[in-house]
Amino acid sequence: MTQLTLEAAHEQLAAHNLKPENMRFVTVEAMDPELLESCTTTEDESFYNSYMNVIFGKGDRYVLGYRCEDEVIDHAIIKSGDKYYDPTLQIKGDFKPYRYAILTEFKVFDVMRHAKANKDFPPDVDYLRSKPKQYKNVIITA
């Protein structure tokens, strides 16, 4: 995978009706292998995995946003302390740190509340778009 330049990431995010100038960009790092082994890592299920990992205390926050590789793709990761991790991708092996554009972060109670409101599915980008007034800082609304 090729990491997008910051300018290319901004262009692609804007094409998705987002406000990249209001988004934080962070680097997702590799987590400790022992912690990774204890994480939920169902293949290609970043929203579910991140949700479960926050619920079970493997991370402090459920982070919703976009991976900035090749092209932007909606994806969920976790935050622990001041670091960002992606057990879903890391478990596949040959993990390399990458740029991530944050839409929002949820603490455990908030992510559970939003999941309940989302018919027991972890919040995703479509869920945020269904609440335009709450996320107007990062989503362009009509």
N, C-alpha and C. Protein backbone atom coordinates (compact mmCIF):
# COMPACT_ATOMS: atom_id res chain seq x y z
N MET A 1 0.84 -1.18 0.00
CA MET A 1 0.00 0.00 0.00
C MET A 1 0.88 1.24 0.00
N THR A 2 0.43 2.24 -0.70
CA THR A 2 1.14 3.51 -0.77
C THR A 2 0.43 4.51 0.12
N GLN A 3 1.21 5.20 0.94
CA GLN A 3 0.62 6.21 1.81
C GLN A 3 0.37 7.47 0.99
N LEU A 4 -0.84 8.01 1.10
CA LEU A 4 -1.18 9.24 0.40
C LEU A 4 -0.43 10.42 0.99
N THR A 5 -0.12 11.39 0.15
CA THR A 5 0.40 12.64 0.67
C THR A 5 -0.73 13.32 1.43
N LEU A 6 -0.39 14.23 2.30
CA LEU A 6 -1.41 14.95 3.05
C LEU A 6 -2.34 15.71 2.10
N GLU A 7 -1.78 16.29 1.06
CA GLU A 7 -2.59 17.02 0.08
C GLU A 7 -3.57 16.09 -0.64
N ALA A 8 -3.10 14.92 -1.06
CA ALA A 8 -3.98 13.94 -1.74
C ALA A 8 -5.06 13.44 -0.79
N ALA A 9 -4.71 13.22 0.47
CA ALA A 9 -5.70 12.78 1.46
C ALA A 9 -6.77 13.85 1.64
N HIS A 10 -6.35 15.12 1.71
CA HIS A 10 -7.31 16.23 1.84
C HIS A 10 -8.26 16.25 0.64
N GLU A 11 -7.72 16.09 -0.56
CA GLU A 11 -8.55 16.11 -1.77
C GLU A 11 -9.57 14.98 -1.74
N GLN A 12 -9.13 13.78 -1.40
CA GLN A 12 -10.05 12.63 -1.39
C GLN A 12 -11.11 12.76 -0.30
N LEU A 13 -10.71 13.23 0.87
CA LEU A 13 -11.68 13.41 1.95
C LEU A 13 -12.72 14.46 1.57
N ALA A 14 -12.28 15.55 0.95
CA ALA A 14 -13.21 16.58 0.50
C ALA A 14 -14.19 16.01 -0.54
N ALA A 15 -13.72 15.10 -1.38
CA ALA A 15 -14.59 14.47 -2.38
C ALA A 15 -15.66 13.60 -1.72
N HIS A 16 -15.43 13.20 -0.46
CA HIS A 16 -16.42 12.42 0.31
C HIS A 16 -17.30 13.34 1.15
N ASN A 17 -17.33 14.62 0.82
CA ASN A 17 -18.11 15.62 1.56
C ASN A 17 -17.69 15.74 3.02
N LEU A 18 -16.39 15.70 3.23
CA LEU A 18 -15.83 15.88 4.56
C LEU A 18 -15.03 17.17 4.60
N LYS A 19 -14.72 17.63 5.80
CA LYS A 19 -13.95 18.85 6.00
C LYS A 19 -12.57 18.48 6.54
N PRO A 20 -11.64 18.12 5.66
CA PRO A 20 -10.32 17.67 6.12
C PRO A 20 -9.57 18.71 6.94
N GLU A 21 -9.85 19.98 6.71
CA GLU A 21 -9.17 21.02 7.48
C GLU A 21 -9.55 20.98 8.96
N ASN A 22 -10.66 20.32 9.29
CA ASN A 22 -11.09 20.19 10.68
C ASN A 22 -10.76 18.82 11.28
N MET A 23 -10.12 17.97 10.50
CA MET A 23 -9.80 16.61 10.97
C MET A 23 -8.35 16.57 11.45
N ARG A 24 -8.12 15.74 12.47
CA ARG A 24 -6.74 15.52 12.93
C ARG A 24 -6.19 14.33 12.17
N PHE A 25 -4.92 14.43 11.81
CA PHE A 25 -4.21 13.33 11.15
C PHE A 25 -3.19 12.79 12.13
N VAL A 26 -3.23 11.48 12.35
CA VAL A 26 -2.32 10.83 13.29
C VAL A 26 -1.62 9.67 12.60
N THR A 27 -0.59 9.16 13.26
CA THR A 27 0.09 7.97 12.76
C THR A 27 -0.36 6.78 13.59
N VAL A 28 -0.83 5.74 12.92
CA VAL A 28 -1.22 4.50 13.58
C VAL A 28 0.02 3.63 13.69
N GLU A 29 0.30 3.18 14.91
CA GLU A 29 1.51 2.42 15.20
C GLU A 29 1.20 0.95 15.47
N ALA A 30 2.24 0.15 15.51
CA ALA A 30 2.09 -1.26 15.87
C ALA A 30 1.97 -1.36 17.39
N MET A 31 1.05 -2.19 17.86
CA MET A 31 0.91 -2.40 19.30
C MET A 31 1.80 -3.55 19.75
N ASP A 32 2.01 -3.62 21.03
CA ASP A 32 2.81 -4.69 21.61
C ASP A 32 2.21 -6.04 21.22
N PRO A 33 3.03 -6.99 20.75
CA PRO A 33 2.51 -8.29 20.30
C PRO A 33 1.70 -9.04 21.37
N GLU A 34 2.07 -8.89 22.64
CA GLU A 34 1.31 -9.57 23.70
C GLU A 34 -0.09 -8.99 23.82
N LEU A 35 -0.21 -7.67 23.72
CA LEU A 35 -1.53 -7.04 23.77
C LEU A 35 -2.33 -7.40 22.51
N LEU A 36 -1.68 -7.42 21.37
CA LEU A 36 -2.35 -7.78 20.12
C LEU A 36 -2.97 -9.17 20.21
N GLU A 37 -2.26 -10.10 20.83
CA GLU A 37 -2.78 -11.47 20.97
C GLU A 37 -4.07 -11.52 21.76
N SER A 38 -4.26 -10.58 22.68
CA SER A 38 -5.47 -10.57 23.51
C SER A 38 -6.62 -9.77 22.90
N CYS A 39 -6.37 -9.15 21.74
CA CYS A 39 -7.39 -8.32 21.09
C CYS A 39 -8.31 -9.14 20.20
N THR A 40 -9.50 -8.59 19.97
CA THR A 40 -10.41 -9.13 18.97
C THR A 40 -9.90 -8.68 17.61
N THR A 41 -9.70 -9.65 16.69
CA THR A 41 -9.08 -9.32 15.40
C THR A 41 -9.75 -10.06 14.23
N THR A 42 -11.07 -10.11 14.20
CA THR A 42 -11.77 -10.74 13.09
C THR A 42 -11.36 -10.07 11.79
N GLU A 43 -11.02 -10.85 10.79
CA GLU A 43 -10.50 -10.32 9.53
C GLU A 43 -11.49 -9.37 8.86
N ASP A 44 -10.98 -8.21 8.43
CA ASP A 44 -11.73 -7.20 7.70
C ASP A 44 -12.95 -6.65 8.46
N GLU A 45 -12.90 -6.66 9.78
CA GLU A 45 -14.02 -6.17 10.60
C GLU A 45 -13.53 -5.09 11.57
N SER A 46 -12.97 -4.00 11.04
CA SER A 46 -12.36 -2.99 11.91
C SER A 46 -13.36 -2.35 12.87
N PHE A 47 -14.60 -2.14 12.45
CA PHE A 47 -15.58 -1.49 13.32
C PHE A 47 -15.91 -2.41 14.49
N TYR A 48 -16.23 -3.65 14.20
CA TYR A 48 -16.53 -4.63 15.24
C TYR A 48 -15.32 -4.83 16.16
N ASN A 49 -14.15 -5.04 15.57
CA ASN A 49 -12.95 -5.29 16.37
C ASN A 49 -12.64 -4.12 17.30
N SER A 50 -12.67 -2.92 16.76
CA SER A 50 -12.35 -1.75 17.57
C SER A 50 -13.37 -1.57 18.69
N TYR A 51 -14.63 -1.80 18.37
CA TYR A 51 -15.69 -1.72 19.37
C TYR A 51 -15.44 -2.71 20.50
N MET A 52 -15.22 -3.96 20.14
CA MET A 52 -15.00 -4.99 21.16
C MET A 52 -13.73 -4.72 21.97
N ASN A 53 -12.69 -4.25 21.32
CA ASN A 53 -11.44 -3.98 22.02
C ASN A 53 -11.58 -2.84 23.03
N VAL A 54 -12.40 -1.85 22.72
CA VAL A 54 -12.65 -0.77 23.68
C VAL A 54 -13.54 -1.28 24.81
N ILE A 55 -14.56 -2.04 24.48
CA ILE A 55 -15.45 -2.60 25.50
C ILE A 55 -14.66 -3.44 26.51
N PHE A 56 -13.71 -4.23 26.02
CA PHE A 56 -12.94 -5.11 26.90
C PHE A 56 -11.63 -4.50 27.39
N GLY A 57 -11.50 -3.17 27.27
CA GLY A 57 -10.40 -2.47 27.89
C GLY A 57 -9.05 -2.58 27.20
N LYS A 58 -9.02 -2.97 25.94
CA LYS A 58 -7.74 -3.04 25.21
C LYS A 58 -7.35 -1.68 24.66
N GLY A 59 -8.28 -0.76 24.68
CA GLY A 59 -8.05 0.62 24.25
C GLY A 59 -8.97 1.53 25.03
N ASP A 60 -8.61 2.82 25.06
CA ASP A 60 -9.40 3.80 25.80
C ASP A 60 -10.53 4.39 24.97
N ARG A 61 -10.30 4.44 23.64
CA ARG A 61 -11.28 5.09 22.77
C ARG A 61 -11.44 4.34 21.45
N TYR A 62 -12.67 4.38 20.97
CA TYR A 62 -13.03 3.88 19.64
C TYR A 62 -12.87 5.09 18.71
N VAL A 63 -12.05 4.93 17.69
CA VAL A 63 -11.72 6.05 16.81
C VAL A 63 -12.25 5.76 15.41
N LEU A 64 -13.02 6.67 14.91
CA LEU A 64 -13.65 6.51 13.61
C LEU A 64 -13.06 7.52 12.63
N GLY A 65 -12.69 7.04 11.46
CA GLY A 65 -12.11 7.93 10.47
C GLY A 65 -11.74 7.19 9.20
N TYR A 66 -10.62 7.60 8.61
CA TYR A 66 -10.19 7.08 7.31
C TYR A 66 -8.71 6.73 7.30
N ARG A 67 -8.41 5.54 6.79
CA ARG A 67 -7.02 5.18 6.49
C ARG A 67 -6.63 5.96 5.23
N CYS A 68 -5.43 6.48 5.23
CA CYS A 68 -4.95 7.28 4.09
C CYS A 68 -3.88 6.51 3.33
N GLU A 69 -4.28 5.38 2.75
CA GLU A 69 -3.38 4.56 1.96
C GLU A 69 -4.02 4.29 0.61
N ASP A 70 -3.26 4.44 -0.47
CA ASP A 70 -3.75 4.30 -1.84
C ASP A 70 -4.90 5.27 -2.08
N GLU A 71 -5.98 5.04 -1.40
CA GLU A 71 -7.10 5.99 -1.37
C GLU A 71 -7.69 5.93 0.02
N VAL A 72 -8.44 6.94 0.41
CA VAL A 72 -9.01 6.94 1.75
C VAL A 72 -10.10 5.88 1.86
N ILE A 73 -10.12 5.19 2.99
CA ILE A 73 -11.13 4.16 3.23
C ILE A 73 -11.59 4.28 4.67
N ASP A 74 -12.92 4.25 4.86
CA ASP A 74 -13.44 4.37 6.23
C ASP A 74 -13.03 3.14 7.03
N HIS A 75 -12.67 3.39 8.28
CA HIS A 75 -12.04 2.36 9.09
C HIS A 75 -12.11 2.79 10.56
N ALA A 76 -12.14 1.85 11.46
CA ALA A 76 -12.10 2.15 12.89
C ALA A 76 -10.82 1.59 13.49
N ILE A 77 -10.26 2.34 14.44
CA ILE A 77 -9.06 1.93 15.17
C ILE A 77 -9.30 2.19 16.65
N ILE A 78 -8.30 1.94 17.47
CA ILE A 78 -8.41 2.24 18.89
C ILE A 78 -7.30 3.19 19.32
N LYS A 79 -7.57 3.89 20.41
CA LYS A 79 -6.57 4.77 21.01
C LYS A 79 -6.32 4.26 22.41
N SER A 80 -5.05 4.19 22.78
CA SER A 80 -4.66 3.81 24.13
C SER A 80 -3.61 4.80 24.59
N GLY A 81 -3.94 5.54 25.64
CA GLY A 81 -3.05 6.62 26.05
C GLY A 81 -3.02 7.67 24.95
N ASP A 82 -1.83 7.98 24.44
CA ASP A 82 -1.73 8.94 23.35
C ASP A 82 -1.34 8.29 22.03
N LYS A 83 -1.49 6.96 21.96
CA LYS A 83 -1.11 6.22 20.75
C LYS A 83 -2.34 5.61 20.09
N TYR A 84 -2.24 5.44 18.77
CA TYR A 84 -3.33 4.88 17.98
C TYR A 84 -2.88 3.54 17.40
N TYR A 85 -3.79 2.53 17.47
CA TYR A 85 -3.46 1.18 17.04
C TYR A 85 -4.56 0.62 16.15
N ASP A 86 -4.16 -0.34 15.31
CA ASP A 86 -5.10 -1.00 14.40
C ASP A 86 -4.88 -2.51 14.46
N PRO A 87 -5.47 -3.17 15.46
CA PRO A 87 -5.30 -4.63 15.56
C PRO A 87 -5.80 -5.38 14.33
N THR A 88 -6.83 -4.86 13.65
CA THR A 88 -7.39 -5.53 12.48
C THR A 88 -6.36 -5.67 11.37
N LEU A 89 -5.60 -4.62 11.10
CA LEU A 89 -4.58 -4.71 10.06
C LEU A 89 -3.29 -5.35 10.58
N GLN A 90 -2.95 -5.05 11.83
CA GLN A 90 -1.67 -5.55 12.35
C GLN A 90 -1.63 -7.07 12.42
N ILE A 91 -2.75 -7.70 12.72
CA ILE A 91 -2.77 -9.16 12.86
C ILE A 91 -2.45 -9.85 11.54
N LYS A 92 -2.64 -9.16 10.41
CA LYS A 92 -2.35 -9.75 9.10
C LYS A 92 -0.85 -9.92 8.88
N GLY A 93 -0.02 -9.24 9.69
CA GLY A 93 1.43 -9.33 9.55
C GLY A 93 1.99 -8.23 8.67
N ASP A 94 3.30 -8.05 8.73
CA ASP A 94 4.03 -7.04 7.96
C ASP A 94 3.38 -5.67 8.09
N PHE A 95 3.03 -5.31 9.32
CA PHE A 95 2.38 -4.02 9.59
C PHE A 95 3.37 -2.88 9.49
N LYS A 96 2.96 -1.82 8.81
CA LYS A 96 3.76 -0.60 8.73
C LYS A 96 2.89 0.55 9.22
N PRO A 97 3.45 1.45 10.04
CA PRO A 97 2.67 2.61 10.49
C PRO A 97 2.09 3.37 9.29
N TYR A 98 0.92 3.96 9.50
CA TYR A 98 0.27 4.69 8.41
C TYR A 98 -0.48 5.91 8.95
N ARG A 99 -0.82 6.81 8.03
CA ARG A 99 -1.56 8.03 8.36
C ARG A 99 -3.05 7.71 8.43
N TYR A 100 -3.71 8.34 9.39
CA TYR A 100 -5.13 8.13 9.63
C TYR A 100 -5.79 9.49 9.89
N ALA A 101 -6.93 9.72 9.26
CA ALA A 101 -7.69 10.96 9.43
C ALA A 101 -8.85 10.70 10.38
N ILE A 102 -8.88 11.40 11.50
CA ILE A 102 -9.89 11.16 12.53
C ILE A 102 -11.14 12.00 12.31
N LEU A 103 -12.30 11.32 12.28
CA LEU A 103 -13.59 12.01 12.29
C LEU A 103 -14.01 12.30 13.72
N THR A 104 -13.95 11.26 14.57
CA THR A 104 -14.35 11.42 15.97
C THR A 104 -13.79 10.27 16.80
N GLU A 105 -13.78 10.46 18.11
CA GLU A 105 -13.36 9.44 19.07
C GLU A 105 -14.48 9.28 20.10
N PHE A 106 -14.72 8.03 20.52
CA PHE A 106 -15.74 7.76 21.52
C PHE A 106 -15.11 7.03 22.71
N LYS A 107 -15.46 7.48 23.91
CA LYS A 107 -15.10 6.72 25.12
C LYS A 107 -16.03 5.52 25.19
N VAL A 108 -15.71 4.58 26.05
CA VAL A 108 -16.44 3.30 26.10
C VAL A 108 -17.95 3.51 26.30
N PHE A 109 -18.35 4.34 27.24
CA PHE A 109 -19.77 4.54 27.48
C PHE A 109 -20.46 5.13 26.25
N ASP A 110 -19.80 6.10 25.62
CA ASP A 110 -20.39 6.74 24.44
C ASP A 110 -20.51 5.79 23.25
N VAL A 111 -19.48 4.98 23.03
CA VAL A 111 -19.56 4.05 21.90
C VAL A 111 -20.66 3.01 22.13
N MET A 112 -20.85 2.60 23.38
CA MET A 112 -21.93 1.65 23.69
C MET A 112 -23.29 2.30 23.45
N ARG A 113 -23.44 3.54 23.87
CA ARG A 113 -24.70 4.26 23.69
C ARG A 113 -25.01 4.44 22.20
N HIS A 114 -23.99 4.82 21.42
CA HIS A 114 -24.20 4.99 19.99
C HIS A 114 -24.49 3.65 19.30
N ALA A 115 -23.84 2.59 19.73
CA ALA A 115 -24.10 1.27 19.15
C ALA A 115 -25.55 0.86 19.41
N LYS A 116 -26.03 1.14 20.61
CA LYS A 116 -27.42 0.79 20.92
C LYS A 116 -28.37 1.58 20.02
N ALA A 117 -28.06 2.85 19.79
CA ALA A 117 -28.89 3.68 18.91
C ALA A 117 -28.76 3.25 17.45
N ASN A 118 -27.70 2.52 17.14
CA ASN A 118 -27.43 2.08 15.76
C ASN A 118 -27.78 0.60 15.58
N LYS A 119 -28.80 0.13 16.30
CA LYS A 119 -29.28 -1.25 16.22
C LYS A 119 -28.16 -2.26 16.53
N ASP A 120 -27.39 -1.95 17.57
CA ASP A 120 -26.31 -2.81 18.07
C ASP A 120 -25.13 -2.96 17.13
N PHE A 121 -24.98 -2.05 16.18
CA PHE A 121 -23.80 -2.01 15.33
C PHE A 121 -22.91 -0.87 15.80
N PRO A 122 -21.60 -1.08 15.83
CA PRO A 122 -20.72 0.02 16.20
C PRO A 122 -20.89 1.18 15.23
N PRO A 123 -20.72 2.41 15.73
CA PRO A 123 -20.85 3.56 14.84
C PRO A 123 -19.86 3.48 13.67
N ASP A 124 -20.34 3.88 12.50
CA ASP A 124 -19.48 3.96 11.32
C ASP A 124 -19.75 5.31 10.65
N VAL A 125 -19.17 5.55 9.50
CA VAL A 125 -19.32 6.84 8.84
C VAL A 125 -20.79 7.09 8.46
N ASP A 126 -21.50 6.08 8.01
CA ASP A 126 -22.92 6.26 7.67
C ASP A 126 -23.72 6.68 8.90
N TYR A 127 -23.37 6.13 10.05
CA TYR A 127 -24.05 6.51 11.29
C TYR A 127 -23.81 8.00 11.57
N LEU A 128 -22.56 8.45 11.42
CA LEU A 128 -22.27 9.87 11.64
C LEU A 128 -23.05 10.75 10.67
N ARG A 129 -23.12 10.31 9.43
CA ARG A 129 -23.86 11.09 8.42
C ARG A 129 -25.35 11.16 8.75
N SER A 130 -25.86 10.19 9.50
CA SER A 130 -27.28 10.21 9.89
C SER A 130 -27.53 11.22 11.01
N LYS A 131 -26.48 11.79 11.57
CA LYS A 131 -26.59 12.78 12.64
C LYS A 131 -25.81 14.04 12.25
N PRO A 132 -26.22 14.68 11.16
CA PRO A 132 -25.43 15.78 10.59
C PRO A 132 -25.20 16.96 11.54
N LYS A 133 -26.15 17.26 12.39
CA LYS A 133 -25.98 18.41 13.29
C LYS A 133 -24.88 18.15 14.32
N GLN A 134 -24.73 16.91 14.75
CA GLN A 134 -23.73 16.57 15.76
C GLN A 134 -22.31 16.55 15.18
N TYR A 135 -22.17 16.30 13.90
CA TYR A 135 -20.84 16.15 13.29
C TYR A 135 -20.59 17.14 12.16
N LYS A 136 -21.27 18.28 12.22
CA LYS A 136 -21.13 19.29 11.15
C LYS A 136 -19.74 19.89 11.10
N ASN A 137 -18.94 19.70 12.14
CA ASN A 137 -17.57 20.21 12.11
C ASN A 137 -16.69 19.43 11.13
N VAL A 138 -17.05 18.16 10.85
CA VAL A 138 -16.22 17.34 9.95
C VAL A 138 -16.96 16.84 8.71
N ILE A 139 -18.28 16.91 8.71
CA ILE A 139 -19.08 16.42 7.58
C ILE A 139 -19.83 17.59 6.95
N ILE A 140 -19.70 17.72 5.63
CA ILE A 140 -20.43 18.77 4.92
C ILE A 140 -21.88 18.33 4.79
N THR A 141 -22.77 19.16 5.28
CA THR A 141 -24.18 18.83 5.20
C THR A 141 -24.84 19.72 4.14
N ALA A 142 -25.88 19.19 3.53
CA ALA A 142 -26.55 19.91 2.45
C ALA A 142 -27.32 21.10 2.97
